[in-house]
């Protein structure tokens, strides 16, 4: 499948959020994402290190910051 632009993805997610805003529990979703990321942390971080786009946008560092924030680490 061809990839979509960040702008198209953002527009789609905003529209889905608007359509389903009353059905979605944000805190619950964030909690589930945190547990998933924590479970597969090393694999995810390794994949972010290997991908050029992710390195360019410093996604590993951003994810590390989010993990530390959620875990209460500094």
C-alpha atoms as a PDB file:
ATOM      1  CA  UNK A   1       0.000   0.000   0.000  1.00  0.00           C
ATOM      2  CA  UNK A   2       1.236   3.512  -0.655  1.00  0.00           C
ATOM      3  CA  UNK A   3       2.079   5.523   2.431  1.00  0.00           C
ATOM      4  CA  UNK A   4      -0.021   8.517   3.382  1.00  0.00           C
ATOM      5  CA  UNK A   5       1.258  11.937   4.325  1.00  0.00           C
ATOM      6  CA  UNK A   6       1.454  13.104   7.925  1.00  0.00           C
ATOM      7  CA  UNK A   7      -1.052  15.826   7.048  1.00  0.00           C
ATOM      8  CA  UNK A   8      -3.586  13.290   5.709  1.00  0.00           C
ATOM      9  CA  UNK A   9      -3.105  11.082   8.765  1.00  0.00           C
ATOM     10  CA  UNK A  10      -3.563  14.043  11.105  1.00  0.00           C
ATOM     11  CA  UNK A  11      -6.734  15.107   9.282  1.00  0.00           C
ATOM     12  CA  UNK A  12      -8.119  11.565   9.457  1.00  0.00           C
ATOM     13  CA  UNK A  13      -7.375  11.246  13.177  1.00  0.00           C
ATOM     14  CA  UNK A  14      -8.921  14.643  13.942  1.00  0.00           C
ATOM     15  CA  UNK A  15     -12.070  13.646  12.063  1.00  0.00           C
ATOM     16  CA  UNK A  16     -12.251  10.269  13.824  1.00  0.00           C
ATOM     17  CA  UNK A  17     -11.757  11.990  17.159  1.00  0.00           C
ATOM     18  CA  UNK A  18     -14.585  14.387  16.372  1.00  0.00           C
ATOM     19  CA  UNK A  19     -16.910  11.585  15.270  1.00  0.00           C
ATOM     20  CA  UNK A  20     -16.182   9.329  18.240  1.00  0.00           C
ATOM     21  CA  UNK A  21     -15.175  11.828  20.921  1.00  0.00           C
ATOM     22  CA  UNK A  22     -17.961  10.805  23.256  1.00  0.00           C
ATOM     23  CA  UNK A  23     -17.071   7.116  22.928  1.00  0.00           C
ATOM     24  CA  UNK A  24     -13.385   7.325  23.791  1.00  0.00           C
ATOM     25  CA  UNK A  25     -11.761   7.243  27.213  1.00  0.00           C
ATOM     26  CA  UNK A  26      -8.451   9.035  26.680  1.00  0.00           C
ATOM     27  CA  UNK A  27      -6.911   8.152  30.031  1.00  0.00           C
ATOM     28  CA  UNK A  28      -7.752   4.493  29.589  1.00  0.00           C
ATOM     29  CA  UNK A  29      -6.234   4.482  26.102  1.00  0.00           C
ATOM     30  CA  UNK A  30      -3.048   6.168  27.327  1.00  0.00           C
ATOM     31  CA  UNK A  31      -2.791   3.649  30.133  1.00  0.00           C
ATOM     32  CA  UNK A  32      -3.139   0.743  27.682  1.00  0.00           C
ATOM     33  CA  UNK A  33      -0.513   2.266  25.392  1.00  0.00           C
ATOM     34  CA  UNK A  34       1.852   2.717  28.330  1.00  0.00           C
ATOM     35  CA  UNK A  35       1.511  -0.930  29.394  1.00  0.00           C
ATOM     36  CA  UNK A  36       2.030  -2.119  25.802  1.00  0.00           C
ATOM     37  CA  UNK A  37       5.102   0.097  25.340  1.00  0.00           C
ATOM     38  CA  UNK A  38       6.488  -0.985  28.701  1.00  0.00           C
ATOM     39  CA  UNK A  39       6.047  -4.652  27.760  1.00  0.00           C
ATOM     40  CA  UNK A  40       7.830  -4.261  24.396  1.00  0.00           C
ATOM     41  CA  UNK A  41      10.079  -1.324  25.313  1.00  0.00           C
ATOM     42  CA  UNK A  42      13.394  -2.764  24.095  1.00  0.00           C
ATOM     43  CA  UNK A  43      11.973  -3.963  20.778  1.00  0.00           C
ATOM     44  CA  UNK A  44      10.273  -0.619  20.136  1.00  0.00           C
ATOM     45  CA  UNK A  45      13.350   1.427  21.050  1.00  0.00           C
ATOM     46  CA  UNK A  46      15.565  -0.763  18.850  1.00  0.00           C
ATOM     47  CA  UNK A  47      13.167  -0.331  15.926  1.00  0.00           C
ATOM     48  CA  UNK A  48      13.167   3.449  16.439  1.00  0.00           C
ATOM     49  CA  UNK A  49      16.983   3.440  16.454  1.00  0.00           C
ATOM     50  CA  UNK A  50      17.150   1.495  13.188  1.00  0.00           C
ATOM     51  CA  UNK A  51      14.695   3.637  11.231  1.00  0.00           C
ATOM     52  CA  UNK A  52      16.133   6.709   9.512  1.00  0.00           C
ATOM     53  CA  UNK A  53      12.907   8.713   9.689  1.00  0.00           C
ATOM     54  CA  UNK A  54      12.585   7.974  13.410  1.00  0.00           C
ATOM     55  CA  UNK A  55      16.192   8.980  14.041  1.00  0.00           C
ATOM     56  CA  UNK A  56      15.730  12.199  12.072  1.00  0.00           C
ATOM     57  CA  UNK A  57      12.716  13.141  14.191  1.00  0.00           C
ATOM     58  CA  UNK A  58      14.304  11.911  17.438  1.00  0.00           C
ATOM     59  CA  UNK A  59      11.375   9.618  18.164  1.00  0.00           C
ATOM     60  CA  UNK A  60      13.373   7.382  20.515  1.00  0.00           C
ATOM     61  CA  UNK A  61      14.214  10.385  22.687  1.00  0.00           C
ATOM     62  CA  UNK A  62      10.584  11.545  22.643  1.00  0.00           C
ATOM     63  CA  UNK A  63       9.341   8.083  23.590  1.00  0.00           C
ATOM     64  CA  UNK A  64      11.947   7.857  26.367  1.00  0.00           C
ATOM     65  CA  UNK A  65      10.655  11.174  27.715  1.00  0.00           C
ATOM     66  CA  UNK A  66       7.050   9.936  27.629  1.00  0.00           C
ATOM     67  CA  UNK A  67       7.997   6.672  29.365  1.00  0.00           C
ATOM     68  CA  UNK A  68       9.875   8.551  32.081  1.00  0.00           C
ATOM     69  CA  UNK A  69       6.967  10.932  32.567  1.00  0.00           C
ATOM     70  CA  UNK A  70       4.453   8.099  32.864  1.00  0.00           C
ATOM     71  CA  UNK A  71       6.652   6.041  35.187  1.00  0.00           C
ATOM     72  CA  UNK A  72       7.459   8.992  37.417  1.00  0.00           C
ATOM     73  CA  UNK A  73      11.207   8.805  36.611  1.00  0.00           C
ATOM     74  CA  UNK A  74      13.281  11.851  35.759  1.00  0.00           C
END
